[in-house]
Amino acid sequence: MKNKIVVKVQMNCRKCRTEAMKIAAVESGVSSVQIEGEYKDQVVVIGDEVDSVSLTRSLRKKVGYATILSVEQVKETKTEPKATKVKEDNAPSISSFHTIQYPEAPIVCCHVVDDPTPDNCSIL
């Protein structure tokens, strides 16, 4: 049976989100990992026999404060394979993949000003 585990993790930056996703993906039995929530602070893990306690402990060690919000079973739906259209031209097919995009951080510009009166330090 597949379980859906939602863990709230204190993530302040893109690096923390990436690290949290890597940690969750390494756990045994995980089939998918997603970042959700209004503030992008919830890690949603779906998989077979995933231990929610060990996942939360790992996230606490590497990322920061983590709390289990929910653990529920996911019903698997049986879908029949759809008939696919055959492409008439020989154009290469492009497989799609999902990327997570976050708003860019503001760019900070600094101006370096040359000091006309340097220190008279004899050590340097």
PDB file of N, CA and C in Angstrom:
ATOM      1  N   MET A   1       0.831  -1.188   0.000  1.00  0.00           N
ATOM      2  CA  MET A   1       0.000   0.000   0.000  1.00  0.00           C
ATOM      3  C   MET A   1       0.868   1.240   0.000  1.00  0.00           C
ATOM      4  N   LYS A   2       0.461   2.204  -0.773  1.00  0.00           N
ATOM      5  CA  LYS A   2       1.202   3.454  -0.837  1.00  0.00           C
ATOM      6  C   LYS A   2       0.718   4.391   0.249  1.00  0.00           C
ATOM      7  N   ASN A   3       1.666   5.096   0.837  1.00  0.00           N
ATOM      8  CA  ASN A   3       1.354   6.087   1.853  1.00  0.00           C
ATOM      9  C   ASN A   3       1.729   7.463   1.345  1.00  0.00           C
ATOM     10  N   LYS A   4       0.963   8.446   1.780  1.00  0.00           N
ATOM     11  CA  LYS A   4       1.271   9.840   1.485  1.00  0.00           C
ATOM     12  C   LYS A   4       1.612  10.506   2.813  1.00  0.00           C
ATOM     13  N   ILE A   5       2.860  10.978   2.914  1.00  0.00           N
ATOM     14  CA  ILE A   5       3.354  11.590   4.143  1.00  0.00           C
ATOM     15  C   ILE A   5       3.611  13.064   3.866  1.00  0.00           C
ATOM     16  N   VAL A   6       3.052  13.927   4.711  1.00  0.00           N
ATOM     17  CA  VAL A   6       3.269  15.365   4.593  1.00  0.00           C
ATOM     18  C   VAL A   6       4.041  15.819   5.833  1.00  0.00           C
ATOM     19  N   VAL A   7       5.230  16.392   5.605  1.00  0.00           N
ATOM     20  CA  VAL A   7       6.089  16.858   6.689  1.00  0.00           C
ATOM     21  C   VAL A   7       6.337  18.345   6.504  1.00  0.00           C
ATOM     22  N   LYS A   8       6.086  19.112   7.552  1.00  0.00           N
ATOM     23  CA  LYS A   8       6.367  20.553   7.510  1.00  0.00           C
ATOM     24  C   LYS A   8       7.801  20.752   7.974  1.00  0.00           C
ATOM     25  N   VAL A   9       8.590  21.408   7.122  1.00  0.00           N
ATOM     26  CA  VAL A   9      10.010  21.602   7.387  1.00  0.00           C
ATOM     27  C   VAL A   9      10.327  23.084   7.310  1.00  0.00           C
ATOM     28  N   GLN A  10      11.187  23.536   8.210  1.00  0.00           N
ATOM     29  CA  GLN A  10      11.602  24.938   8.186  1.00  0.00           C
ATOM     30  C   GLN A  10      12.620  25.109   7.065  1.00  0.00           C
ATOM     31  N   MET A  11      12.166  25.682   5.949  1.00  0.00           N
ATOM     32  CA  MET A  11      13.029  25.884   4.792  1.00  0.00           C
ATOM     33  C   MET A  11      12.985  27.361   4.421  1.00  0.00           C
ATOM     34  N   ASN A  12      14.136  28.004   4.437  1.00  0.00           N
ATOM     35  CA  ASN A  12      14.184  29.440   4.188  1.00  0.00           C
ATOM     36  C   ASN A  12      14.737  29.786   2.816  1.00  0.00           C
ATOM     37  N   CYS A  13      15.411  28.861   2.178  1.00  0.00           N
ATOM     38  CA  CYS A  13      16.061  29.192   0.914  1.00  0.00           C
ATOM     39  C   CYS A  13      15.918  28.023  -0.068  1.00  0.00           C
ATOM     40  N   ARG A  14      16.338  28.269  -1.280  1.00  0.00           N
ATOM     41  CA  ARG A  14      16.266  27.255  -2.334  1.00  0.00           C
ATOM     42  C   ARG A  14      17.184  26.082  -2.014  1.00  0.00           C
ATOM     43  N   LYS A  15      18.320  26.359  -1.412  1.00  0.00           N
ATOM     44  CA  LYS A  15      19.267  25.302  -1.067  1.00  0.00           C
ATOM     45  C   LYS A  15      18.652  24.338  -0.051  1.00  0.00           C
ATOM     46  N   CYS A  16      17.910  24.883   0.925  1.00  0.00           N
ATOM     47  CA  CYS A  16      17.253  24.033   1.923  1.00  0.00           C
ATOM     48  C   CYS A  16      16.188  23.159   1.275  1.00  0.00           C
ATOM     49  N   ARG A  17      15.443  23.709   0.317  1.00  0.00           N
ATOM     50  CA  ARG A  17      14.416  22.931  -0.366  1.00  0.00           C
ATOM     51  C   ARG A  17      15.045  21.795  -1.165  1.00  0.00           C
ATOM     52  N   THR A  18      16.146  22.089  -1.834  1.00  0.00           N
ATOM     53  CA  THR A  18      16.841  21.065  -2.610  1.00  0.00           C
ATOM     54  C   THR A  18      17.369  19.972  -1.694  1.00  0.00           C
ATOM     55  N   GLU A  19      17.951  20.364  -0.573  1.00  0.00           N
ATOM     56  CA  GLU A  19      18.495  19.403   0.384  1.00  0.00           C
ATOM     57  C   GLU A  19      17.375  18.527   0.965  1.00  0.00           C
ATOM     58  N   ALA A  20      16.238  19.128   1.270  1.00  0.00           N
ATOM     59  CA  ALA A  20      15.110  18.368   1.813  1.00  0.00           C
ATOM     60  C   ALA A  20      14.595  17.354   0.794  1.00  0.00           C
ATOM     61  N   MET A  21      14.534  17.750  -0.472  1.00  0.00           N
ATOM     62  CA  MET A  21      14.073  16.821  -1.504  1.00  0.00           C
ATOM     63  C   MET A  21      15.056  15.670  -1.692  1.00  0.00           C
ATOM     64  N   LYS A  22      16.354  15.957  -1.619  1.00  0.00           N
ATOM     65  CA  LYS A  22      17.358  14.897  -1.747  1.00  0.00           C
ATOM     66  C   LYS A  22      17.244  13.905  -0.603  1.00  0.00           C
ATOM     67  N   ILE A  23      17.078  14.415   0.612  1.00  0.00           N
ATOM     68  CA  ILE A  23      16.974  13.544   1.787  1.00  0.00           C
ATOM     69  C   ILE A  23      15.739  12.654   1.684  1.00  0.00           C
ATOM     70  N   ALA A  24      14.617  13.240   1.263  1.00  0.00           N
ATOM     71  CA  ALA A  24      13.377  12.468   1.152  1.00  0.00           C
ATOM     72  C   ALA A  24      13.469  11.423   0.038  1.00  0.00           C
ATOM     73  N   ALA A  25      14.150  11.750  -1.041  1.00  0.00           N
ATOM     74  CA  ALA A  25      14.251  10.823  -2.167  1.00  0.00           C
ATOM     75  C   ALA A  25      15.122   9.614  -1.843  1.00  0.00           C
ATOM     76  N   VAL A  26      16.047   9.747  -0.907  1.00  0.00           N
ATOM     77  CA  VAL A  26      16.970   8.668  -0.565  1.00  0.00           C
ATOM     78  C   VAL A  26      16.299   7.594   0.290  1.00  0.00           C
ATOM     79  N   GLU A  27      15.231   7.939   1.001  1.00  0.00           N
ATOM     80  CA  GLU A  27      14.549   6.978   1.868  1.00  0.00           C
ATOM     81  C   GLU A  27      14.062   5.782   1.051  1.00  0.00           C
ATOM     82  N   SER A  28      14.053   4.615   1.663  1.00  0.00           N
ATOM     83  CA  SER A  28      13.652   3.406   0.942  1.00  0.00           C
ATOM     84  C   SER A  28      12.146   3.383   0.703  1.00  0.00           C
ATOM     85  N   GLY A  29      11.749   3.002  -0.497  1.00  0.00           N
ATOM     86  CA  GLY A  29      10.353   2.865  -0.848  1.00  0.00           C
ATOM     87  C   GLY A  29       9.701   4.113  -1.418  1.00  0.00           C
ATOM     88  N   VAL A  30      10.437   5.209  -1.532  1.00  0.00           N
ATOM     89  CA  VAL A  30       9.868   6.466  -2.008  1.00  0.00           C
ATOM     90  C   VAL A  30       9.692   6.415  -3.524  1.00  0.00           C
ATOM     91  N   SER A  31       8.491   6.796  -3.992  1.00  0.00           N
ATOM     92  CA  SER A  31       8.260   6.842  -5.433  1.00  0.00           C
ATOM     93  C   SER A  31       8.156   8.274  -5.953  1.00  0.00           C
ATOM     94  N   SER A  32       7.740   9.235  -5.110  1.00  0.00           N
ATOM     95  CA  SER A  32       7.718  10.633  -5.557  1.00  0.00           C
ATOM     96  C   SER A  32       7.873  11.569  -4.368  1.00  0.00           C
ATOM     97  N   VAL A  33       8.485  12.734  -4.650  1.00  0.00           N
ATOM     98  CA  VAL A  33       8.708  13.775  -3.643  1.00  0.00           C
ATOM     99  C   VAL A  33       8.277  15.094  -4.250  1.00  0.00           C
ATOM    100  N   GLN A  34       7.538  15.898  -3.476  1.00  0.00           N
ATOM    101  CA  GLN A  34       7.087  17.197  -3.947  1.00  0.00           C
ATOM    102  C   GLN A  34       7.200  18.223  -2.825  1.00  0.00           C
ATOM    103  N   ILE A  35       7.337  19.481  -3.210  1.00  0.00           N
ATOM    104  CA  ILE A  35       7.299  20.595  -2.268  1.00  0.00           C
ATOM    105  C   ILE A  35       5.958  21.280  -2.474  1.00  0.00           C
ATOM    106  N   GLU A  36       5.205  21.453  -1.390  1.00  0.00           N
ATOM    107  CA  GLU A  36       3.893  22.079  -1.472  1.00  0.00           C
ATOM    108  C   GLU A  36       3.725  23.067  -0.330  1.00  0.00           C
ATOM    109  N   GLY A  37       2.558  23.644  -0.272  1.00  0.00           N
ATOM    110  CA  GLY A  37       2.212  24.574   0.791  1.00  0.00           C
ATOM    111  C   GLY A  37       2.284  26.006   0.316  1.00  0.00           C
ATOM    112  N   GLU A  38       1.638  26.882   1.074  1.00  0.00           N
ATOM    113  CA  GLU A  38       1.599  28.294   0.716  1.00  0.00           C
ATOM    114  C   GLU A  38       2.993  28.907   0.717  1.00  0.00           C
ATOM    115  N   TYR A  39       3.808  28.523   1.682  1.00  0.00           N
ATOM    116  CA  TYR A  39       5.158  29.071   1.803  1.00  0.00           C
ATOM    117  C   TYR A  39       6.226  28.111   1.310  1.00  0.00           C
ATOM    118  N   LYS A  40       5.825  27.075   0.565  1.00  0.00           N
ATOM    119  CA  LYS A  40       6.753  26.048   0.055  1.00  0.00           C
ATOM    120  C   LYS A  40       7.551  25.435   1.200  1.00  0.00           C
ATOM    121  N   ASP A  41       6.842  25.090   2.289  1.00  0.00           N
ATOM    122  CA  ASP A  41       7.514  24.552   3.462  1.00  0.00           C
ATOM    123  C   ASP A  41       7.032  23.148   3.835  1.00  0.00           C
ATOM    124  N   GLN A  42       6.334  22.490   2.916  1.00  0.00           N
ATOM    125  CA  GLN A  42       5.853  21.143   3.180  1.00  0.00           C
ATOM    126  C   GLN A  42       6.434  20.174   2.155  1.00  0.00           C
ATOM    127  N   VAL A  43       6.990  19.078   2.653  1.00  0.00           N
ATOM    128  CA  VAL A  43       7.529  18.027   1.796  1.00  0.00           C
ATOM    129  C   VAL A  43       6.495  16.909   1.755  1.00  0.00           C
ATOM    130  N   VAL A  44       6.032  16.565   0.560  1.00  0.00           N
ATOM    131  CA  VAL A  44       5.043  15.505   0.377  1.00  0.00           C
ATOM    132  C   VAL A  44       5.755  14.315  -0.251  1.00  0.00           C
ATOM    133  N   VAL A  45       5.736  13.183   0.465  1.00  0.00           N
ATOM    134  CA  VAL A  45       6.419  11.967   0.017  1.00  0.00           C
ATOM    135  C   VAL A  45       5.375  10.884  -0.195  1.00  0.00           C
ATOM    136  N   ILE A  46       5.416  10.245  -1.358  1.00  0.00           N
ATOM    137  CA  ILE A  46       4.517   9.139  -1.666  1.00  0.00           C
ATOM    138  C   ILE A  46       5.376   7.912  -1.965  1.00  0.00           C
ATOM    139  N   GLY A  47       5.034   6.786  -1.321  1.00  0.00           N
ATOM    140  CA  GLY A  47       5.804   5.577  -1.552  1.00  0.00           C
ATOM    141  C   GLY A  47       5.282   4.394  -0.771  1.00  0.00           C
ATOM    142  N   ASP A  48       5.873   3.237  -1.037  1.00  0.00           N
ATOM    143  CA  ASP A  48       5.505   1.995  -0.363  1.00  0.00           C
ATOM    144  C   ASP A  48       6.349   1.831   0.891  1.00  0.00           C
ATOM    145  N   GLU A  49       5.690   1.589   2.007  1.00  0.00           N
ATOM    146  CA  GLU A  49       6.350   1.289   3.278  1.00  0.00           C
ATOM    147  C   GLU A  49       7.421   2.310   3.650  1.00  0.00           C
ATOM    148  N   VAL A  50       7.133   3.586   3.502  1.00  0.00           N
ATOM    149  CA  VAL A  50       8.067   4.639   3.887  1.00  0.00           C
ATOM    150  C   VAL A  50       7.886   4.903   5.373  1.00  0.00           C
ATOM    151  N   ASP A  51       8.984   4.912   6.115  1.00  0.00           N
ATOM    152  CA  ASP A  51       8.937   5.153   7.546  1.00  0.00           C
ATOM    153  C   ASP A  51       8.921   6.664   7.789  1.00  0.00           C
ATOM    154  N   SER A  52       7.794   7.174   8.260  1.00  0.00           N
ATOM    155  CA  SER A  52       7.633   8.619   8.446  1.00  0.00           C
ATOM    156  C   SER A  52       8.519   9.150   9.567  1.00  0.00           C
ATOM    157  N   VAL A  53       8.758   8.341  10.586  1.00  0.00           N
ATOM    158  CA  VAL A  53       9.576   8.782  11.712  1.00  0.00           C
ATOM    159  C   VAL A  53      11.041   8.937  11.293  1.00  0.00           C
ATOM    160  N   SER A  54      11.577   7.961  10.557  1.00  0.00           N
ATOM    161  CA  SER A  54      12.972   8.065  10.126  1.00  0.00           C
ATOM    162  C   SER A  54      13.145   9.184   9.109  1.00  0.00           C
ATOM    163  N   LEU A  55      12.136   9.410   8.263  1.00  0.00           N
ATOM    164  CA  LEU A  55      12.172  10.523   7.312  1.00  0.00           C
ATOM    165  C   LEU A  55      12.235  11.857   8.052  1.00  0.00           C
ATOM    166  N   THR A  56      11.404  12.016   9.058  1.00  0.00           N
ATOM    167  CA  THR A  56      11.382  13.265   9.829  1.00  0.00           C
ATOM    168  C   THR A  56      12.680  13.464  10.588  1.00  0.00           C
ATOM    169  N   ARG A  57      13.223  12.407  11.144  1.00  0.00           N
ATOM    170  CA  ARG A  57      14.507  12.514  11.858  1.00  0.00           C
ATOM    171  C   ARG A  57      15.627  12.953  10.918  1.00  0.00           C
ATOM    172  N   SER A  58      15.648  12.373   9.730  1.00  0.00           N
ATOM    173  CA  SER A  58      16.670  12.740   8.743  1.00  0.00           C
ATOM    174  C   SER A  58      16.545  14.198   8.343  1.00  0.00           C
ATOM    175  N   LEU A  59      15.315  14.658   8.146  1.00  0.00           N
ATOM    176  CA  LEU A  59      15.100  16.062   7.784  1.00  0.00           C
ATOM    177  C   LEU A  59      15.509  16.994   8.923  1.00  0.00           C
ATOM    178  N   ARG A  60      15.262  16.589  10.162  1.00  0.00           N
ATOM    179  CA  ARG A  60      15.667  17.415  11.309  1.00  0.00           C
ATOM    180  C   ARG A  60      17.178  17.533  11.400  1.00  0.00           C
ATOM    181  N   LYS A  61      17.878  16.426  11.144  1.00  0.00           N
ATOM    182  CA  LYS A  61      19.338  16.445  11.239  1.00  0.00           C
ATOM    183  C   LYS A  61      19.969  17.342  10.187  1.00  0.00           C
ATOM    184  N   LYS A  62      19.476  17.269   8.962  1.00  0.00           N
ATOM    185  CA  LYS A  62      20.130  17.958   7.850  1.00  0.00           C
ATOM    186  C   LYS A  62      19.581  19.347   7.555  1.00  0.00           C
ATOM    187  N   VAL A  63      18.260  19.539   7.717  1.00  0.00           N
ATOM    188  CA  VAL A  63      17.650  20.800   7.281  1.00  0.00           C
ATOM    189  C   VAL A  63      17.264  21.686   8.448  1.00  0.00           C
ATOM    190  N   GLY A  64      16.545  21.147   9.399  1.00  0.00           N
ATOM    191  CA  GLY A  64      16.088  21.956  10.528  1.00  0.00           C
ATOM    192  C   GLY A  64      14.826  21.373  11.124  1.00  0.00           C
ATOM    193  N   TYR A  65      14.071  22.209  11.788  1.00  0.00           N
ATOM    194  CA  TYR A  65      12.853  21.797  12.466  1.00  0.00           C
ATOM    195  C   TYR A  65      11.880  21.145  11.491  1.00  0.00           C
ATOM    196  N   ALA A  66      11.365  19.957  11.847  1.00  0.00           N
ATOM    197  CA  ALA A  66      10.436  19.230  10.982  1.00  0.00           C
ATOM    198  C   ALA A  66       9.343  18.597  11.829  1.00  0.00           C
ATOM    199  N   THR A  67       8.105  18.641  11.320  1.00  0.00           N
ATOM    200  CA  THR A  67       6.955  18.085  12.016  1.00  0.00           C
ATOM    201  C   THR A  67       6.106  17.292  11.031  1.00  0.00           C
ATOM    202  N   ILE A  68       5.636  16.119  11.452  1.00  0.00           N
ATOM    203  CA  ILE A  68       4.752  15.322  10.617  1.00  0.00           C
ATOM    204  C   ILE A  68       3.358  15.929  10.674  1.00  0.00           C
ATOM    205  N   LEU A  69       2.817  16.316   9.517  1.00  0.00           N
ATOM    206  CA  LEU A  69       1.468  16.878   9.467  1.00  0.00           C
ATOM    207  C   LEU A  69       0.416  15.799   9.237  1.00  0.00           C
ATOM    208  N   SER A  70       0.684  14.876   8.300  1.00  0.00           N
ATOM    209  CA  SER A  70      -0.293  13.822   8.049  1.00  0.00           C
ATOM    210  C   SER A  70       0.372  12.607   7.418  1.00  0.00           C
ATOM    211  N   VAL A  71      -0.227  11.453   7.686  1.00  0.00           N
ATOM    212  CA  VAL A  71       0.158  10.192   7.052  1.00  0.00           C
ATOM    213  C   VAL A  71      -1.141   9.517   6.650  1.00  0.00           C
ATOM    214  N   GLU A  72      -1.330   9.271   5.366  1.00  0.00           N
ATOM    215  CA  GLU A  72      -2.555   8.641   4.894  1.00  0.00           C
ATOM    216  C   GLU A  72      -2.246   7.671   3.772  1.00  0.00           C
ATOM    217  N   GLN A  73      -3.155   6.735   3.579  1.00  0.00           N
ATOM    218  CA  GLN A  73      -2.983   5.749   2.522  1.00  0.00           C
ATOM    219  C   GLN A  73      -3.555   6.299   1.225  1.00  0.00           C
ATOM    220  N   VAL A  74      -2.860   6.029   0.141  1.00  0.00           N
ATOM    221  CA  VAL A  74      -3.282   6.481  -1.172  1.00  0.00           C
ATOM    222  C   VAL A  74      -3.878   5.290  -1.902  1.00  0.00           C
ATOM    223  N   LYS A  75      -5.080   5.469  -2.400  1.00  0.00           N
ATOM    224  CA  LYS A  75      -5.715   4.394  -3.166  1.00  0.00           C
ATOM    225  C   LYS A  75      -5.161   4.412  -4.577  1.00  0.00           C
ATOM    226  N   GLU A  76      -4.742   3.258  -5.028  1.00  0.00           N
ATOM    227  CA  GLU A  76      -4.223   3.150  -6.381  1.00  0.00           C
ATOM    228  C   GLU A  76      -5.390   2.967  -7.342  1.00  0.00           C
ATOM    229  N   THR A  77      -5.421   3.783  -8.346  1.00  0.00           N
ATOM    230  CA  THR A  77      -6.490   3.669  -9.335  1.00  0.00           C
ATOM    231  C   THR A  77      -5.958   2.889 -10.526  1.00  0.00           C
ATOM    232  N   LYS A  78      -6.767   1.965 -10.989  1.00  0.00           N
ATOM    233  CA  LYS A  78      -6.374   1.181 -12.151  1.00  0.00           C
ATOM    234  C   LYS A  78      -6.886   1.894 -13.386  1.00  0.00           C
ATOM    235  N   THR A  79      -5.981   2.288 -14.217  1.00  0.00           N
ATOM    236  CA  THR A  79      -6.366   2.953 -15.451  1.00  0.00           C
ATOM    237  C   THR A  79      -5.931   2.091 -16.623  1.00  0.00           C
ATOM    238  N   GLU A  80      -6.767   2.078 -17.619  1.00  0.00           N
ATOM    239  CA  GLU A  80      -6.432   1.326 -18.810  1.00  0.00           C
ATOM    240  C   GLU A  80      -5.508   2.175 -19.676  1.00  0.00           C
ATOM    241  N   PRO A  81      -4.532   1.563 -20.296  1.00  0.00           N
ATOM    242  CA  PRO A  81      -3.635   2.345 -21.142  1.00  0.00           C
ATOM    243  C   PRO A  81      -4.387   2.946 -22.312  1.00  0.00           C
ATOM    244  N   LYS A  82      -4.133   4.193 -22.567  1.00  0.00           N
ATOM    245  CA  LYS A  82      -4.788   4.888 -23.664  1.00  0.00           C
ATOM    246  C   LYS A  82      -4.052   4.597 -24.967  1.00  0.00           C
ATOM    247  N   ALA A  83      -4.813   4.584 -26.031  1.00  0.00           N
ATOM    248  CA  ALA A  83      -4.205   4.398 -27.344  1.00  0.00           C
ATOM    249  C   ALA A  83      -3.489   5.690 -27.710  1.00  0.00           C
ATOM    250  N   THR A  84      -2.248   5.573 -28.125  1.00  0.00           N
ATOM    251  CA  THR A  84      -1.473   6.755 -28.471  1.00  0.00           C
ATOM    252  C   THR A  84      -1.488   6.960 -29.974  1.00  0.00           C
ATOM    253  N   LYS A  85      -1.463   8.197 -30.366  1.00  0.00           N
ATOM    254  CA  LYS A  85      -1.416   8.525 -31.787  1.00  0.00           C
ATOM    255  C   LYS A  85      -0.006   8.277 -32.309  1.00  0.00           C
ATOM    256  N   VAL A  86       0.061   7.806 -33.496  1.00  0.00           N
ATOM    257  CA  VAL A  86       1.348   7.604 -34.143  1.00  0.00           C
ATOM    258  C   VAL A  86       1.676   8.876 -34.907  1.00  0.00           C
ATOM    259  N   LYS A  87       2.859   9.393 -34.655  1.00  0.00           N
ATOM    260  CA  LYS A  87       3.263  10.614 -35.353  1.00  0.00           C
ATOM    261  C   LYS A  87       3.568  10.285 -36.805  1.00  0.00           C
ATOM    262  N   GLU A  88       3.079  11.158 -37.671  1.00  0.00           N
ATOM    263  CA  GLU A  88       3.291  10.920 -39.089  1.00  0.00           C
ATOM    264  C   GLU A  88       4.673  11.349 -39.543  1.00  0.00           C
ATOM    265  N   ASP A  89       5.194  12.403 -38.948  1.00  0.00           N
ATOM    266  CA  ASP A  89       6.532  12.834 -39.342  1.00  0.00           C
ATOM    267  C   ASP A  89       7.566  12.148 -38.445  1.00  0.00           C
ATOM    268  N   ASN A  90       8.783  12.182 -38.814  1.00  0.00           N
ATOM    269  CA  ASN A  90       9.847  11.531 -38.069  1.00  0.00           C
ATOM    270  C   ASN A  90      10.555  12.493 -37.123  1.00  0.00           C
ATOM    271  N   ALA A  91       9.835  13.441 -36.605  1.00  0.00           N
ATOM    272  CA  ALA A  91      10.431  14.400 -35.667  1.00  0.00           C
ATOM    273  C   ALA A  91      10.710  13.694 -34.348  1.00  0.00           C
ATOM    274  N   PRO A  92      11.817  14.028 -33.715  1.00  0.00           N
ATOM    275  CA  PRO A  92      12.124  13.389 -32.432  1.00  0.00           C
ATOM    276  C   PRO A  92      11.123  13.818 -31.372  1.00  0.00           C
ATOM    277  N   SER A  93      10.756  12.905 -30.509  1.00  0.00           N
ATOM    278  CA  SER A  93       9.806  13.239 -29.454  1.00  0.00           C
ATOM    279  C   SER A  93      10.564  13.821 -28.268  1.00  0.00           C
ATOM    280  N   ILE A  94       9.927  14.728 -27.603  1.00  0.00           N
ATOM    281  CA  ILE A  94      10.539  15.391 -26.452  1.00  0.00           C
ATOM    282  C   ILE A  94       9.793  14.928 -25.214  1.00  0.00           C
ATOM    283  N   SER A  95      10.519  14.333 -24.287  1.00  0.00           N
ATOM    284  CA  SER A  95       9.875  13.897 -23.058  1.00  0.00           C
ATOM    285  C   SER A  95       9.787  15.086 -22.112  1.00  0.00           C
ATOM    286  N   SER A  96       8.683  15.162 -21.407  1.00  0.00           N
ATOM    287  CA  SER A  96       8.498  16.298 -20.504  1.00  0.00           C
ATOM    288  C   SER A  96       8.929  15.899 -19.099  1.00  0.00           C
ATOM    289  N   PHE A  97       9.371  16.867 -18.348  1.00  0.00           N
ATOM    290  CA  PHE A  97       9.726  16.660 -16.964  1.00  0.00           C
ATOM    291  C   PHE A  97       9.336  17.908 -16.196  1.00  0.00           C
ATOM    292  N   HIS A  98       9.185  17.744 -14.894  1.00  0.00           N
ATOM    293  CA  HIS A  98       8.723  18.844 -14.060  1.00  0.00           C
ATOM    294  C   HIS A  98       9.911  19.504 -13.372  1.00  0.00           C
ATOM    295  N   THR A  99       9.911  20.797 -13.360  1.00  0.00           N
ATOM    296  CA  THR A  99      10.937  21.532 -12.637  1.00  0.00           C
ATOM    297  C   THR A  99      10.268  22.422 -11.618  1.00  0.00           C
ATOM    298  N   ILE A 100      10.949  22.653 -10.538  1.00  0.00           N
ATOM    299  CA  ILE A 100      10.439  23.532  -9.500  1.00  0.00           C
ATOM    300  C   ILE A 100      11.093  24.884  -9.687  1.00  0.00           C
ATOM    301  N   GLN A 101      10.276  25.910  -9.827  1.00  0.00           N
ATOM    302  CA  GLN A 101      10.810  27.241 -10.025  1.00  0.00           C
ATOM    303  C   GLN A 101      10.417  28.110  -8.845  1.00  0.00           C
ATOM    304  N   TYR A 102      11.352  28.843  -8.329  1.00  0.00           N
ATOM    305  CA  TYR A 102      11.124  29.744  -7.218  1.00  0.00           C
ATOM    306  C   TYR A 102      11.427  31.160  -7.671  1.00  0.00           C
ATOM    307  N   PRO A 103      10.813  32.135  -7.028  1.00  0.00           N
ATOM    308  CA  PRO A 103      11.122  33.514  -7.408  1.00  0.00           C
ATOM    309  C   PRO A 103      12.597  33.807  -7.167  1.00  0.00           C
ATOM    310  N   GLU A 104      13.160  34.549  -8.073  1.00  0.00           N
ATOM    311  CA  GLU A 104      14.575  34.871  -7.974  1.00  0.00           C
ATOM    312  C   GLU A 104      14.834  35.808  -6.800  1.00  0.00           C
ATOM    313  N   ALA A 105      15.991  35.668  -6.200  1.00  0.00           N
ATOM    314  CA  ALA A 105      16.399  36.541  -5.105  1.00  0.00           C
ATOM    315  C   ALA A 105      16.788  37.897  -5.684  1.00  0.00           C
ATOM    316  N   PRO A 106      16.597  38.969  -4.915  1.00  0.00           N
ATOM    317  CA  PRO A 106      16.973  40.284  -5.432  1.00  0.00           C
ATOM    318  C   PRO A 106      18.483  40.369  -5.638  1.00  0.00           C
ATOM    319  N   ILE A 107      18.879  41.074  -6.674  1.00  0.00           N
ATOM    320  CA  ILE A 107      20.297  41.223  -6.992  1.00  0.00           C
ATOM    321  C   ILE A 107      20.831  42.433  -6.227  1.00  0.00           C
ATOM    322  N   VAL A 108      21.937  42.237  -5.542  1.00  0.00           N
ATOM    323  CA  VAL A 108      22.547  43.305  -4.763  1.00  0.00           C
ATOM    324  C   VAL A 108      23.812  43.744  -5.487  1.00  0.00           C
ATOM    325  N   CYS A 109      23.921  45.034  -5.756  1.00  0.00           N
ATOM    326  CA  CYS A 109      25.099  45.575  -6.430  1.00  0.00           C
ATOM    327  C   CYS A 109      25.942  46.332  -5.413  1.00  0.00           C
ATOM    328  N   CYS A 110      27.237  46.139  -5.485  1.00  0.00           N
ATOM    329  CA  CYS A 110      28.158  46.835  -4.591  1.00  0.00           C
ATOM    330  C   CYS A 110      29.172  47.592  -5.437  1.00  0.00           C
ATOM    331  N   HIS A 111      29.480  48.807  -5.018  1.00  0.00           N
ATOM    332  CA  HIS A 111      30.472  49.616  -5.705  1.00  0.00           C
ATOM    333  C   HIS A 111      31.728  49.663  -4.849  1.00  0.00           C
ATOM    334  N   VAL A 112      32.860  49.356  -5.455  1.00  0.00           N
ATOM    335  CA  VAL A 112      34.129  49.394  -4.748  1.00  0.00           C
ATOM    336  C   VAL A 112      34.753  50.753  -4.996  1.00  0.00           C
ATOM    337  N   VAL A 113      35.071  51.412  -3.907  1.00  0.00           N
ATOM    338  CA  VAL A 113      35.653  52.752  -3.990  1.00  0.00           C
ATOM    339  C   VAL A 113      37.106  52.656  -3.560  1.00  0.00           C
ATOM    340  N   ASP A 114      38.010  53.220  -4.346  1.00  0.00           N
ATOM    341  CA  ASP A 114      39.433  53.207  -4.031  1.00  0.00           C
ATOM    342  C   ASP A 114      39.721  54.282  -2.998  1.00  0.00           C
ATOM    343  N   ASP A 115      40.434  53.914  -1.936  1.00  0.00           N
ATOM    344  CA  ASP A 115      40.770  54.847  -0.867  1.00  0.00           C
ATOM    345  C   ASP A 115      42.040  55.599  -1.255  1.00  0.00           C
ATOM    346  N   PRO A 116      41.968  56.933  -1.392  1.00  0.00           N
ATOM    347  CA  PRO A 116      43.162  57.696  -1.789  1.00  0.00           C
ATOM    348  C   PRO A 116      44.231  57.741  -0.699  1.00  0.00           C
ATOM    349  N   THR A 117      43.827  57.527   0.543  1.00  0.00           N
ATOM    350  CA  THR A 117      44.806  57.536   1.640  1.00  0.00           C
ATOM    351  C   THR A 117      44.875  56.149   2.250  1.00  0.00           C
ATOM    352  N   PRO A 118      45.748  55.274   1.754  1.00  0.00           N
ATOM    353  CA  PRO A 118      45.829  53.919   2.290  1.00  0.00           C
ATOM    354  C   PRO A 118      46.427  53.905   3.694  1.00  0.00           C
ATOM    355  N   ASP A 119      46.147  52.825   4.412  1.00  0.00           N
ATOM    356  CA  ASP A 119      46.722  52.654   5.749  1.00  0.00           C
ATOM    357  C   ASP A 119      48.237  52.519   5.641  1.00  0.00           C
ATOM    358  N   ASN A 120      48.917  53.043   6.574  1.00  0.00           N
ATOM    359  CA  ASN A 120      50.365  52.899   6.630  1.00  0.00           C
ATOM    360  C   ASN A 120      50.711  51.745   7.555  1.00  0.00           C
ATOM    361  N   CYS A 121      50.276  50.555   7.186  1.00  0.00           N
ATOM    362  CA  CYS A 121      50.508  49.366   7.997  1.00  0.00           C
ATOM    363  C   CYS A 121      51.818  48.737   7.552  1.00  0.00           C
ATOM    364  N   SER A 122      52.709  48.532   8.501  1.00  0.00           N
ATOM    365  CA  SER A 122      54.024  47.988   8.169  1.00  0.00           C
ATOM    366  C   SER A 122      54.014  46.458   8.084  1.00  0.00           C
ATOM    367  N   ILE A 123      52.946  45.823   8.573  1.00  0.00           N
ATOM    368  CA  ILE A 123      52.881  44.359   8.570  1.00  0.00           C
ATOM    369  C   ILE A 123      52.586  43.862   7.154  1.00  0.00           C
ATOM    370  N   LEU A 124      51.713  44.521   6.463  1.00  0.00           N
ATOM    371  CA  LEU A 124      51.351  44.064   5.137  1.00  0.00           C
ATOM    372  C   LEU A 124      52.319  44.656   4.172  1.00  0.00           C
TER     373      LEU A 124
END
